[in-house]
Amino acid sequence: IVLGLVGVVADGLGYLLFIGIAVLIVALILSAVRFRRGGRSVN
């Protein structure tokens, strides 16, 4: 969120917006993997 806001507000720092989007995607994937593995029990 911080990188996205800085990328939108600051002039010429649009690449920070794309880095922020990439970090958000990584966070969502990491969250999905943890949520999917969390329900299983180990036999």
PDB file of all heavy atoms in Angstrom:
ATOM      1  N   ILE A   1       0.835  -1.208   0.000  1.00  0.00           N
ATOM      2  CA  ILE A   1       0.000   0.000   0.000  1.00  0.00           C
ATOM      3  C   ILE A   1       0.865   1.251   0.000  1.00  0.00           C
ATOM      4  O   ILE A   1       0.619   2.192  -0.764  1.00  0.00           O
ATOM      5  CB  ILE A   1      -0.962  -0.014   1.199  1.00  0.00           C
ATOM      6  CG1 ILE A   1      -2.017  -1.107   1.004  1.00  0.00           C
ATOM      7  CG2 ILE A   1      -1.628   1.343   1.386  1.00  0.00           C
ATOM      8  CD1 ILE A   1      -2.876  -1.351   2.214  1.00  0.00           C
ATOM      9  N   VAL A   2       1.895   1.258   0.826  1.00  0.00           N
ATOM     10  CA  VAL A   2       2.786   2.430   0.893  1.00  0.00           C
ATOM     11  C   VAL A   2       3.505   2.642  -0.435  1.00  0.00           C
ATOM     12  O   VAL A   2       3.564   3.767  -0.951  1.00  0.00           O
ATOM     13  CB  VAL A   2       3.795   2.280   2.054  1.00  0.00           C
ATOM     14  CG1 VAL A   2       4.870   3.339   1.980  1.00  0.00           C
ATOM     15  CG2 VAL A   2       3.071   2.341   3.384  1.00  0.00           C
ATOM     16  N   LEU A   3       4.041   1.574  -1.010  1.00  0.00           N
ATOM     17  CA  LEU A   3       4.722   1.705  -2.298  1.00  0.00           C
ATOM     18  C   LEU A   3       3.765   2.157  -3.393  1.00  0.00           C
ATOM     19  O   LEU A   3       4.128   2.971  -4.248  1.00  0.00           O
ATOM     20  CB  LEU A   3       5.376   0.376  -2.691  1.00  0.00           C
ATOM     21  CG  LEU A   3       6.643  -0.007  -1.942  1.00  0.00           C
ATOM     22  CD1 LEU A   3       7.083  -1.403  -2.334  1.00  0.00           C
ATOM     23  CD2 LEU A   3       7.750   0.990  -2.198  1.00  0.00           C
ATOM     24  N   GLY A   4       2.544   1.645  -3.368  1.00  0.00           N
ATOM     25  CA  GLY A   4       1.562   2.060  -4.359  1.00  0.00           C
ATOM     26  C   GLY A   4       1.202   3.523  -4.234  1.00  0.00           C
ATOM     27  O   GLY A   4       1.108   4.238  -5.235  1.00  0.00           O
ATOM     28  N   LEU A   5       1.019   3.991  -3.005  1.00  0.00           N
ATOM     29  CA  LEU A   5       0.694   5.407  -2.800  1.00  0.00           C
ATOM     30  C   LEU A   5       1.837   6.313  -3.221  1.00  0.00           C
ATOM     31  O   LEU A   5       1.622   7.340  -3.870  1.00  0.00           O
ATOM     32  CB  LEU A   5       0.334   5.666  -1.338  1.00  0.00           C
ATOM     33  CG  LEU A   5      -1.030   5.150  -0.893  1.00  0.00           C
ATOM     34  CD1 LEU A   5      -1.204   5.352   0.605  1.00  0.00           C
ATOM     35  CD2 LEU A   5      -2.136   5.832  -1.657  1.00  0.00           C
ATOM     36  N   VAL A   6       3.050   5.935  -2.868  1.00  0.00           N
ATOM     37  CA  VAL A   6       4.204   6.748  -3.269  1.00  0.00           C
ATOM     38  C   VAL A   6       4.353   6.738  -4.787  1.00  0.00           C
ATOM     39  O   VAL A   6       4.658   7.761  -5.399  1.00  0.00           O
ATOM     40  CB  VAL A   6       5.493   6.235  -2.578  1.00  0.00           C
ATOM     41  CG1 VAL A   6       6.726   6.912  -3.152  1.00  0.00           C
ATOM     42  CG2 VAL A   6       5.409   6.465  -1.088  1.00  0.00           C
ATOM     43  N   GLY A   7       4.105   5.585  -5.396  1.00  0.00           N
ATOM     44  CA  GLY A   7       4.208   5.491  -6.850  1.00  0.00           C
ATOM     45  C   GLY A   7       3.180   6.337  -7.575  1.00  0.00           C
ATOM     46  O   GLY A   7       3.445   6.878  -8.643  1.00  0.00           O
ATOM     47  N   VAL A   8       1.986   6.469  -6.993  1.00  0.00           N
ATOM     48  CA  VAL A   8       0.938   7.271  -7.628  1.00  0.00           C
ATOM     49  C   VAL A   8       1.163   8.761  -7.392  1.00  0.00           C
ATOM     50  O   VAL A   8       1.019   9.569  -8.308  1.00  0.00           O
ATOM     51  CB  VAL A   8      -0.453   6.841  -7.089  1.00  0.00           C
ATOM     52  CG1 VAL A   8      -1.527   7.814  -7.500  1.00  0.00           C
ATOM     53  CG2 VAL A   8      -0.790   5.444  -7.574  1.00  0.00           C
ATOM     54  N   VAL A   9       1.561   9.125  -6.166  1.00  0.00           N
ATOM     55  CA  VAL A   9       1.662  10.538  -5.804  1.00  0.00           C
ATOM     56  C   VAL A   9       2.934  11.179  -6.361  1.00  0.00           C
ATOM     57  O   VAL A   9       2.889  12.283  -6.908  1.00  0.00           O
ATOM     58  CB  VAL A   9       1.599  10.697  -4.264  1.00  0.00           C
ATOM     59  CG1 VAL A   9       1.886  12.118  -3.848  1.00  0.00           C
ATOM     60  CG2 VAL A   9       0.235  10.255  -3.755  1.00  0.00           C
ATOM     61  N   ALA A  10       4.062  10.503  -6.219  1.00  0.00           N
ATOM     62  CA  ALA A  10       5.335  11.104  -6.635  1.00  0.00           C
ATOM     63  C   ALA A  10       5.452  11.089  -8.155  1.00  0.00           C
ATOM     64  O   ALA A  10       5.115  10.108  -8.807  1.00  0.00           O
ATOM     65  CB  ALA A  10       6.498  10.347  -6.012  1.00  0.00           C
ATOM     66  N   ASP A  11       5.943  12.174  -8.681  1.00  0.00           N
ATOM     67  CA  ASP A  11       6.082  12.296 -10.128  1.00  0.00           C
ATOM     68  C   ASP A  11       7.344  11.568 -10.591  1.00  0.00           C
ATOM     69  O   ASP A  11       8.431  11.793 -10.067  1.00  0.00           O
ATOM     70  CB  ASP A  11       6.179  13.777 -10.493  1.00  0.00           C
ATOM     71  CG  ASP A  11       5.835  14.032 -11.936  1.00  0.00           C
ATOM     72  OD1 ASP A  11       5.098  13.213 -12.503  1.00  0.00           O
ATOM     73  OD2 ASP A  11       6.288  15.058 -12.480  1.00  0.00           O
ATOM     74  N   GLY A  12       7.205  10.654 -11.523  1.00  0.00           N
ATOM     75  CA  GLY A  12       8.350   9.936 -12.066  1.00  0.00           C
ATOM     76  C   GLY A  12       8.712   8.673 -11.315  1.00  0.00           C
ATOM     77  O   GLY A  12       9.721   8.050 -11.617  1.00  0.00           O
ATOM     78  N   LEU A  13       7.923   8.293 -10.315  1.00  0.00           N
ATOM     79  CA  LEU A  13       8.201   7.074  -9.562  1.00  0.00           C
ATOM     80  C   LEU A  13       7.111   6.029  -9.783  1.00  0.00           C
ATOM     81  O   LEU A  13       6.706   5.324  -8.873  1.00  0.00           O
ATOM     82  CB  LEU A  13       8.343   7.377  -8.064  1.00  0.00           C
ATOM     83  CG  LEU A  13       9.521   8.257  -7.672  1.00  0.00           C
ATOM     84  CD1 LEU A  13       9.500   8.524  -6.178  1.00  0.00           C
ATOM     85  CD2 LEU A  13      10.833   7.629  -8.072  1.00  0.00           C
ATOM     86  N   GLY A  14       6.659   5.927 -11.020  1.00  0.00           N
ATOM     87  CA  GLY A  14       5.606   4.977 -11.348  1.00  0.00           C
ATOM     88  C   GLY A  14       6.028   3.534 -11.172  1.00  0.00           C
ATOM     89  O   GLY A  14       5.196   2.653 -10.963  1.00  0.00           O
ATOM     90  N   TYR A  15       7.342   3.286 -11.230  1.00  0.00           N
ATOM     91  CA  TYR A  15       7.819   1.920 -11.055  1.00  0.00           C
ATOM     92  C   TYR A  15       7.535   1.417  -9.636  1.00  0.00           C
ATOM     93  O   TYR A  15       7.381   0.213  -9.429  1.00  0.00           O
ATOM     94  CB  TYR A  15       9.304   1.815 -11.374  1.00  0.00           C
ATOM     95  CG  TYR A  15      10.210   2.610 -10.464  1.00  0.00           C
ATOM     96  CD1 TYR A  15      10.751   2.020  -9.333  1.00  0.00           C
ATOM     97  CD2 TYR A  15      10.534   3.931 -10.740  1.00  0.00           C
ATOM     98  CE1 TYR A  15      11.587   2.739  -8.487  1.00  0.00           C
ATOM     99  CE2 TYR A  15      11.358   4.659  -9.911  1.00  0.00           C
ATOM    100  CZ  TYR A  15      11.879   4.052  -8.788  1.00  0.00           C
ATOM    101  OH  TYR A  15      12.697   4.762  -7.953  1.00  0.00           O
ATOM    102  N   LEU A  16       7.422   2.322  -8.666  1.00  0.00           N
ATOM    103  CA  LEU A  16       7.080   1.902  -7.307  1.00  0.00           C
ATOM    104  C   LEU A  16       5.665   1.348  -7.237  1.00  0.00           C
ATOM    105  O   LEU A  16       5.385   0.457  -6.439  1.00  0.00           O
ATOM    106  CB  LEU A  16       7.231   3.064  -6.328  1.00  0.00           C
ATOM    107  CG  LEU A  16       8.661   3.469  -5.988  1.00  0.00           C
ATOM    108  CD1 LEU A  16       8.650   4.649  -5.031  1.00  0.00           C
ATOM    109  CD2 LEU A  16       9.419   2.317  -5.398  1.00  0.00           C
ATOM    110  N   LEU A  17       4.779   1.870  -8.080  1.00  0.00           N
ATOM    111  CA  LEU A  17       3.426   1.340  -8.140  1.00  0.00           C
ATOM    112  C   LEU A  17       3.449  -0.117  -8.588  1.00  0.00           C
ATOM    113  O   LEU A  17       2.766  -0.964  -8.004  1.00  0.00           O
ATOM    114  CB  LEU A  17       2.574   2.181  -9.088  1.00  0.00           C
ATOM    115  CG  LEU A  17       1.148   1.694  -9.337  1.00  0.00           C
ATOM    116  CD1 LEU A  17       0.352   1.707  -8.048  1.00  0.00           C
ATOM    117  CD2 LEU A  17       0.481   2.533 -10.404  1.00  0.00           C
ATOM    118  N   PHE A  18       4.244  -0.424  -9.595  1.00  0.00           N
ATOM    119  CA  PHE A  18       4.320  -1.796 -10.090  1.00  0.00           C
ATOM    120  C   PHE A  18       5.004  -2.721  -9.085  1.00  0.00           C
ATOM    121  O   PHE A  18       4.623  -3.882  -8.947  1.00  0.00           O
ATOM    122  CB  PHE A  18       5.044  -1.829 -11.442  1.00  0.00           C
ATOM    123  CG  PHE A  18       4.283  -1.089 -12.514  1.00  0.00           C
ATOM    124  CD1 PHE A  18       4.775   0.083 -13.046  1.00  0.00           C
ATOM    125  CD2 PHE A  18       3.050  -1.551 -12.945  1.00  0.00           C
ATOM    126  CE1 PHE A  18       4.073   0.770 -14.022  1.00  0.00           C
ATOM    127  CE2 PHE A  18       2.335  -0.868 -13.915  1.00  0.00           C
ATOM    128  CZ  PHE A  18       2.851   0.291 -14.461  1.00  0.00           C
ATOM    129  N   ILE A  19       5.980  -2.207  -8.365  1.00  0.00           N
ATOM    130  CA  ILE A  19       6.610  -3.002  -7.304  1.00  0.00           C
ATOM    131  C   ILE A  19       5.602  -3.261  -6.191  1.00  0.00           C
ATOM    132  O   ILE A  19       5.532  -4.375  -5.658  1.00  0.00           O
ATOM    133  CB  ILE A  19       7.872  -2.290  -6.766  1.00  0.00           C
ATOM    134  CG1 ILE A  19       8.947  -2.241  -7.850  1.00  0.00           C
ATOM    135  CG2 ILE A  19       8.400  -2.986  -5.517  1.00  0.00           C
ATOM    136  CD1 ILE A  19      10.149  -1.406  -7.476  1.00  0.00           C
ATOM    137  N   GLY A  20       4.797  -2.264  -5.851  1.00  0.00           N
ATOM    138  CA  GLY A  20       3.758  -2.442  -4.845  1.00  0.00           C
ATOM    139  C   GLY A  20       2.731  -3.476  -5.256  1.00  0.00           C
ATOM    140  O   GLY A  20       2.291  -4.295  -4.452  1.00  0.00           O
ATOM    141  N   ILE A  21       2.349  -3.468  -6.529  1.00  0.00           N
ATOM    142  CA  ILE A  21       1.404  -4.474  -7.034  1.00  0.00           C
ATOM    143  C   ILE A  21       2.017  -5.857  -6.958  1.00  0.00           C
ATOM    144  O   ILE A  21       1.342  -6.822  -6.569  1.00  0.00           O
ATOM    145  CB  ILE A  21       0.973  -4.112  -8.469  1.00  0.00           C
ATOM    146  CG1 ILE A  21       0.123  -2.839  -8.459  1.00  0.00           C
ATOM    147  CG2 ILE A  21       0.212  -5.261  -9.115  1.00  0.00           C
ATOM    148  CD1 ILE A  21      -0.157  -2.274  -9.827  1.00  0.00           C
ATOM    149  N   ALA A  22       3.302  -5.978  -7.305  1.00  0.00           N
ATOM    150  CA  ALA A  22       3.974  -7.276  -7.237  1.00  0.00           C
ATOM    151  C   ALA A  22       4.052  -7.780  -5.793  1.00  0.00           C
ATOM    152  O   ALA A  22       3.831  -8.970  -5.528  1.00  0.00           O
ATOM    153  CB  ALA A  22       5.369  -7.169  -7.843  1.00  0.00           C
ATOM    154  N   VAL A  23       4.344  -6.896  -4.859  1.00  0.00           N
ATOM    155  CA  VAL A  23       4.409  -7.283  -3.448  1.00  0.00           C
ATOM    156  C   VAL A  23       3.031  -7.720  -2.954  1.00  0.00           C
ATOM    157  O   VAL A  23       2.907  -8.695  -2.202  1.00  0.00           O
ATOM    158  CB  VAL A  23       4.974  -6.127  -2.587  1.00  0.00           C
ATOM    159  CG1 VAL A  23       4.824  -6.410  -1.102  1.00  0.00           C
ATOM    160  CG2 VAL A  23       6.432  -5.880  -2.931  1.00  0.00           C
ATOM    161  N   LEU A  24       1.990  -7.033  -3.380  1.00  0.00           N
ATOM    162  CA  LEU A  24       0.630  -7.410  -2.999  1.00  0.00           C
ATOM    163  C   LEU A  24       0.270  -8.789  -3.541  1.00  0.00           C
ATOM    164  O   LEU A  24      -0.331  -9.607  -2.839  1.00  0.00           O
ATOM    165  CB  LEU A  24      -0.370  -6.373  -3.494  1.00  0.00           C
ATOM    166  CG  LEU A  24      -1.824  -6.623  -3.132  1.00  0.00           C
ATOM    167  CD1 LEU A  24      -2.001  -6.580  -1.614  1.00  0.00           C
ATOM    168  CD2 LEU A  24      -2.735  -5.627  -3.807  1.00  0.00           C
ATOM    169  N   ILE A  25       0.653  -9.078  -4.771  1.00  0.00           N
ATOM    170  CA  ILE A  25       0.385 -10.396  -5.353  1.00  0.00           C
ATOM    171  C   ILE A  25       1.123 -11.481  -4.584  1.00  0.00           C
ATOM    172  O   ILE A  25       0.569 -12.549  -4.300  1.00  0.00           O
ATOM    173  CB  ILE A  25       0.742 -10.400  -6.851  1.00  0.00           C
ATOM    174  CG1 ILE A  25      -0.249  -9.524  -7.622  1.00  0.00           C
ATOM    175  CG2 ILE A  25       0.753 -11.808  -7.419  1.00  0.00           C
ATOM    176  CD1 ILE A  25       0.131  -9.277  -9.055  1.00  0.00           C
ATOM    177  N   VAL A  26       2.371 -11.225  -4.221  1.00  0.00           N
ATOM    178  CA  VAL A  26       3.139 -12.192  -3.430  1.00  0.00           C
ATOM    179  C   VAL A  26       2.473 -12.420  -2.078  1.00  0.00           C
ATOM    180  O   VAL A  26       2.371 -13.562  -1.609  1.00  0.00           O
ATOM    181  CB  VAL A  26       4.604 -11.721  -3.255  1.00  0.00           C
ATOM    182  CG1 VAL A  26       5.337 -12.540  -2.219  1.00  0.00           C
ATOM    183  CG2 VAL A  26       5.326 -11.774  -4.589  1.00  0.00           C
ATOM    184  N   ALA A  27       1.990 -11.357  -1.454  1.00  0.00           N
ATOM    185  CA  ALA A  27       1.318 -11.487  -0.154  1.00  0.00           C
ATOM    186  C   ALA A  27       0.044 -12.312  -0.277  1.00  0.00           C
ATOM    187  O   ALA A  27      -0.247 -13.150   0.584  1.00  0.00           O
ATOM    188  CB  ALA A  27       1.006 -10.114   0.417  1.00  0.00           C
ATOM    189  N   LEU A  28      -0.712 -12.097  -1.343  1.00  0.00           N
ATOM    190  CA  LEU A  28      -1.942 -12.865  -1.543  1.00  0.00           C
ATOM    191  C   LEU A  28      -1.648 -14.339  -1.808  1.00  0.00           C
ATOM    192  O   LEU A  28      -2.357 -15.213  -1.298  1.00  0.00           O
ATOM    193  CB  LEU A  28      -2.753 -12.264  -2.688  1.00  0.00           C
ATOM    194  CG  LEU A  28      -3.364 -10.896  -2.416  1.00  0.00           C
ATOM    195  CD1 LEU A  28      -4.054 -10.368  -3.665  1.00  0.00           C
ATOM    196  CD2 LEU A  28      -4.325 -10.955  -1.252  1.00  0.00           C
ATOM    197  N   ILE A  29      -0.620 -14.624  -2.588  1.00  0.00           N
ATOM    198  CA  ILE A  29      -0.249 -16.011  -2.844  1.00  0.00           C
ATOM    199  C   ILE A  29       0.226 -16.682  -1.560  1.00  0.00           C
ATOM    200  O   ILE A  29      -0.158 -17.814  -1.263  1.00  0.00           O
ATOM    201  CB  ILE A  29       0.831 -16.083  -3.950  1.00  0.00           C
ATOM    202  CG1 ILE A  29       0.220 -15.682  -5.290  1.00  0.00           C
ATOM    203  CG2 ILE A  29       1.451 -17.469  -4.025  1.00  0.00           C
ATOM    204  CD1 ILE A  29       1.235 -15.524  -6.398  1.00  0.00           C
ATOM    205  N   LEU A  30       1.045 -15.982  -0.796  1.00  0.00           N
ATOM    206  CA  LEU A  30       1.527 -16.534   0.472  1.00  0.00           C
ATOM    207  C   LEU A  30       0.374 -16.797   1.432  1.00  0.00           C
ATOM    208  O   LEU A  30       0.328 -17.835   2.097  1.00  0.00           O
ATOM    209  CB  LEU A  30       2.534 -15.572   1.107  1.00  0.00           C
ATOM    210  CG  LEU A  30       3.200 -16.014   2.399  1.00  0.00           C
ATOM    211  CD1 LEU A  30       4.036 -17.252   2.160  1.00  0.00           C
ATOM    212  CD2 LEU A  30       4.053 -14.894   2.947  1.00  0.00           C
ATOM    213  N   SER A  31      -0.572 -15.893   1.479  1.00  0.00           N
ATOM    214  CA  SER A  31      -1.738 -16.074   2.335  1.00  0.00           C
ATOM    215  C   SER A  31      -2.583 -17.259   1.880  1.00  0.00           C
ATOM    216  O   SER A  31      -3.070 -18.040   2.704  1.00  0.00           O
ATOM    217  CB  SER A  31      -2.579 -14.798   2.321  1.00  0.00           C
ATOM    218  OG  SER A  31      -3.742 -14.968   3.055  1.00  0.00           O
ATOM    219  N   ALA A  32      -2.756 -17.416   0.589  1.00  0.00           N
ATOM    220  CA  ALA A  32      -3.544 -18.533   0.068  1.00  0.00           C
ATOM    221  C   ALA A  32      -2.871 -19.872   0.355  1.00  0.00           C
ATOM    222  O   ALA A  32      -3.540 -20.848   0.708  1.00  0.00           O
ATOM    223  CB  ALA A  32      -3.753 -18.364  -1.437  1.00  0.00           C
ATOM    224  N   VAL A  33      -1.556 -19.928   0.229  1.00  0.00           N
ATOM    225  CA  VAL A  33      -0.831 -21.168   0.505  1.00  0.00           C
ATOM    226  C   VAL A  33      -0.942 -21.523   1.983  1.00  0.00           C
ATOM    227  O   VAL A  33      -1.189 -22.683   2.338  1.00  0.00           O
ATOM    228  CB  VAL A  33       0.647 -21.039   0.077  1.00  0.00           C
ATOM    229  CG1 VAL A  33       1.484 -22.176   0.618  1.00  0.00           C
ATOM    230  CG2 VAL A  33       0.741 -20.976  -1.433  1.00  0.00           C
ATOM    231  N   ARG A  34      -0.790 -20.553   2.856  1.00  0.00           N
ATOM    232  CA  ARG A  34      -0.905 -20.821   4.295  1.00  0.00           C
ATOM    233  C   ARG A  34      -2.321 -21.230   4.672  1.00  0.00           C
ATOM    234  O   ARG A  34      -2.518 -22.086   5.512  1.00  0.00           O
ATOM    235  CB  ARG A  34      -0.494 -19.591   5.101  1.00  0.00           C
ATOM    236  CG  ARG A  34       0.981 -19.373   5.093  1.00  0.00           C
ATOM    237  CD  ARG A  34       1.344 -18.222   5.993  1.00  0.00           C
ATOM    238  NE  ARG A  34       2.771 -18.017   5.971  1.00  0.00           N
ATOM    239  CZ  ARG A  34       3.463 -17.678   7.027  1.00  0.00           C
ATOM    240  NH1 ARG A  34       2.866 -17.492   8.171  1.00  0.00           N
ATOM    241  NH2 ARG A  34       4.756 -17.520   6.937  1.00  0.00           N
ATOM    242  N   PHE A  35      -3.326 -20.603   4.051  1.00  0.00           N
ATOM    243  CA  PHE A  35      -4.705 -20.935   4.356  1.00  0.00           C
ATOM    244  C   PHE A  35      -5.043 -22.343   3.870  1.00  0.00           C
ATOM    245  O   PHE A  35      -5.734 -23.095   4.543  1.00  0.00           O
ATOM    246  CB  PHE A  35      -5.643 -19.920   3.701  1.00  0.00           C
ATOM    247  CG  PHE A  35      -7.098 -20.187   3.969  1.00  0.00           C
ATOM    248  CD1 PHE A  35      -7.618 -19.968   5.231  1.00  0.00           C
ATOM    249  CD2 PHE A  35      -7.925 -20.639   2.968  1.00  0.00           C
ATOM    250  CE1 PHE A  35      -8.959 -20.206   5.478  1.00  0.00           C
ATOM    251  CE2 PHE A  35      -9.256 -20.884   3.210  1.00  0.00           C
ATOM    252  CZ  PHE A  35      -9.777 -20.665   4.467  1.00  0.00           C
ATOM    253  N   ARG A  36      -4.531 -22.708   2.704  1.00  0.00           N
ATOM    254  CA  ARG A  36      -4.817 -24.022   2.145  1.00  0.00           C
ATOM    255  C   ARG A  36      -4.156 -25.131   2.963  1.00  0.00           C
ATOM    256  O   ARG A  36      -4.730 -26.172   3.193  1.00  0.00           O
ATOM    257  CB  ARG A  36      -4.337 -24.090   0.699  1.00  0.00           C
ATOM    258  CG  ARG A  36      -4.681 -25.396   0.026  1.00  0.00           C
ATOM    259  CD  ARG A  36      -4.346 -25.361  -1.416  1.00  0.00           C
ATOM    260  NE  ARG A  36      -5.240 -24.403  -2.077  1.00  0.00           N
ATOM    261  CZ  ARG A  36      -5.359 -24.320  -3.380  1.00  0.00           C
ATOM    262  NH1 ARG A  36      -4.637 -25.078  -4.157  1.00  0.00           N
ATOM    263  NH2 ARG A  36      -6.181 -23.449  -3.918  1.00  0.00           N
ATOM    264  N   ARG A  37      -2.925 -24.914   3.409  1.00  0.00           N
ATOM    265  CA  ARG A  37      -2.222 -25.929   4.194  1.00  0.00           C
ATOM    266  C   ARG A  37      -2.691 -25.985   5.635  1.00  0.00           C
ATOM    267  O   ARG A  37      -2.512 -26.992   6.302  1.00  0.00           O
ATOM    268  CB  ARG A  37      -0.711 -25.646   4.208  1.00  0.00           C
ATOM    269  CG  ARG A  37      -0.010 -26.098   2.977  1.00  0.00           C
ATOM    270  CD  ARG A  37       1.464 -26.124   3.182  1.00  0.00           C
ATOM    271  NE  ARG A  37       1.951 -24.940   3.916  1.00  0.00           N
ATOM    272  CZ  ARG A  37       3.194 -24.721   4.211  1.00  0.00           C
ATOM    273  NH1 ARG A  37       4.108 -25.601   3.877  1.00  0.00           N
ATOM    274  NH2 ARG A  37       3.556 -23.655   4.879  1.00  0.00           N
ATOM    275  N   GLY A  38      -3.270 -24.923   6.144  1.00  0.00           N
ATOM    276  CA  GLY A  38      -3.632 -24.841   7.546  1.00  0.00           C
ATOM    277  C   GLY A  38      -4.722 -25.803   7.978  1.00  0.00           C
ATOM    278  O   GLY A  38      -4.777 -26.226   9.129  1.00  0.00           O
ATOM    279  N   GLY A  39      -5.606 -26.199   7.070  1.00  0.00           N
ATOM    280  CA  GLY A  39      -6.725 -27.052   7.443  1.00  0.00           C
ATOM    281  C   GLY A  39      -6.408 -28.530   7.529  1.00  0.00           C
ATOM    282  O   GLY A  39      -7.176 -29.310   8.069  1.00  0.00           O
ATOM    283  N   ARG A  40      -5.301 -28.939   6.992  1.00  0.00           N
ATOM    284  CA  ARG A  40      -4.951 -30.365   6.966  1.00  0.00           C
ATOM    285  C   ARG A  40      -4.267 -30.780   8.256  1.00  0.00           C
ATOM    286  O   ARG A  40      -3.487 -30.042   8.827  1.00  0.00           O
ATOM    287  CB  ARG A  40      -4.019 -30.658   5.786  1.00  0.00           C
ATOM    288  CG  ARG A  40      -4.657 -30.393   4.457  1.00  0.00           C
ATOM    289  CD  ARG A  40      -3.719 -30.746   3.357  1.00  0.00           C
ATOM    290  NE  ARG A  40      -4.307 -30.391   2.062  1.00  0.00           N
ATOM    291  CZ  ARG A  40      -3.642 -30.374   0.945  1.00  0.00           C
ATOM    292  NH1 ARG A  40      -2.372 -30.676   0.920  1.00  0.00           N
ATOM    293  NH2 ARG A  40      -4.227 -30.047  -0.175  1.00  0.00           N
ATOM    294  N   SER A  41      -4.543 -31.989   8.670  1.00  0.00           N
ATOM    295  CA  SER A  41      -3.858 -32.523   9.845  1.00  0.00           C
ATOM    296  C   SER A  41      -2.849 -33.579   9.393  1.00  0.00           C
ATOM    297  O   SER A  41      -3.053 -34.276   8.399  1.00  0.00           O
ATOM    298  CB  SER A  41      -4.858 -33.147  10.810  1.00  0.00           C
ATOM    299  OG  SER A  41      -5.521 -34.227  10.182  1.00  0.00           O
ATOM    300  N   VAL A  42      -1.786 -33.690  10.130  1.00  0.00           N
ATOM    301  CA  VAL A  42      -0.727 -34.633   9.793  1.00  0.00           C
ATOM    302  C   VAL A  42      -1.018 -35.966  10.481  1.00  0.00           C
ATOM    303  O   VAL A  42      -1.220 -36.010  11.700  1.00  0.00           O
ATOM    304  CB  VAL A  42       0.637 -34.079  10.240  1.00  0.00           C
ATOM    305  CG1 VAL A  42       1.728 -35.089   9.935  1.00  0.00           C
ATOM    306  CG2 VAL A  42       0.917 -32.760   9.566  1.00  0.00           C
ATOM    307  N   ASN A  43      -1.049 -37.047   9.707  1.00  0.00           N
ATOM    308  CA  ASN A  43      -1.262 -38.365  10.276  1.00  0.00           C
ATOM    309  C   ASN A  43       0.069 -38.991  10.667  1.00  0.00           C
ATOM    310  O   ASN A  43       0.967 -39.086   9.852  1.00  0.00           O
ATOM    311  CB  ASN A  43      -1.970 -39.290   9.263  1.00  0.00           C
ATOM    312  CG  ASN A  43      -3.374 -38.823   8.978  1.00  0.00           C
ATOM    313  OD1 ASN A  43      -3.997 -38.210   9.834  1.00  0.00           O
ATOM    314  ND2 ASN A  43      -3.856 -39.101   7.786  1.00  0.00           N
TER     315      ASN A  43
END
